[in-house]
Amino acid sequence: MLHETRCPPMCVNIQLFVSTNSGFIVANVLAYLTKNFLCSASCSIFKGIGIVVLTAVAAKLYFNWLQPKDRSAKQKELITLLDPQTKYPLKLVERHFINHDTRRYRFALPSPQHVLGLPVGQHVYLSARINEQLVIRPYTPVSCDEEKGYFDLVVKVYFKDVNPKFPEGGKLTQYLEKLPIGDTIDVRGPSGLLIHQGIGLFAIKPDKKSPAFNVAFKKLNMIAGGTGITPMLQLIRQILRNPDDTSCMALLFANQTEADILLRDELEEAASKNPDRLRLWYTVDRPSDGWKYSTGFVSAEMIASHMYPPADDTFVVMCGPPPMINFACIPNLDKLGYSPKLRFAY
């Protein structure tokens, strides 16, 4: 027969072992017991107002522990690009004509539940054998990586006999132009030296073999030319999507004519909805009547007037034709005092 005694109010430290499929969770729980609890000689039975419902505590501990796992599980969705060295044949399912030489292509992923699996800042490679020659080109999707079942590319087609400097035109872009709906093309990735890591943070590799280093920023200047707008749109969408991200952006977008401005509706919608976070400015080589933006190559005056000034928390990303980067962007950034360590060219 157990000997029962009345005890004064006290605090008991209870150690819980919660069994899960992955092992045990161990936690200490403080239980405050009133003077009415009943105690045996071995203190193995608790009664009264101060009894802790151990099952509820254990359940709470278990679900608190499980939540990060659930988030991780969500991140581990069905990913298409599992191996950067593997080519995945993906089917062309839609071709949308944006203008006379630009198309939006939609490619189906292996299932409606798959995502592409492309970190923001990275790109994919499309490859095809054309006239017995393997042709490979990089592209940045304009669709969000959260989209399931497909991804979209915006591609400018370089037709034969249009540009005298390139009389044969673009091999892969003309191949895509003629690719029948339902046929596949090989896609490989992710690839690239820059990854957007989250709020105000890039991880950048100097080259493929070097380790990445982190760069923090509060303001992001973007200079794009032609189809170089696609990685910028990828960054803009990612940054504006996060309500906790207060990074501010300024985009200078260069094209030959107003008709050549790709994704203009998407850009202007983003700027109009976020006027304090996204500045948008254009320059074209051949302006139309009533053109209200800049004219000509990217200049120091354009950068100074429409970009954030040099600072330790200001980073510059560039993407466009090599002559634009090498002879317009870099010299003018140098002239204005932007640090070479705080810039990146795709």
Foldseek 3Di string as FASTA:
>chain_A
DWDKDFDAWDKDWDWDWAQDPVGTDIDIDIFTAHRPWIATPVRPDTDDDRDDPVVVVSVVVVVVVCVVVVVVVVVVWAEQAPDQVDWDWWFWADWADPDDFKIKTKTFGPDQRYFHPAFQPWWKWWWDQDPNRIDIDTFFWLDARPHGGITMTMDGWFPACPDPVCNRTDDVSVVVVPDDGGGIIIMGDRDDFWGDPDAQKIWGDPDDPGGTDIAGAQEEEEEEEQSSCRSVSSVLCVQVVDPVRNRAYEYEYEYAEPSRDPPVVVLVVSCVVCVPRYHYAYEHQDYDPPDDGHYDAAALVCCVVTGDAADSRYAYEYEYDVCSVPPHPPVSCVVRPHDPVRYYYD
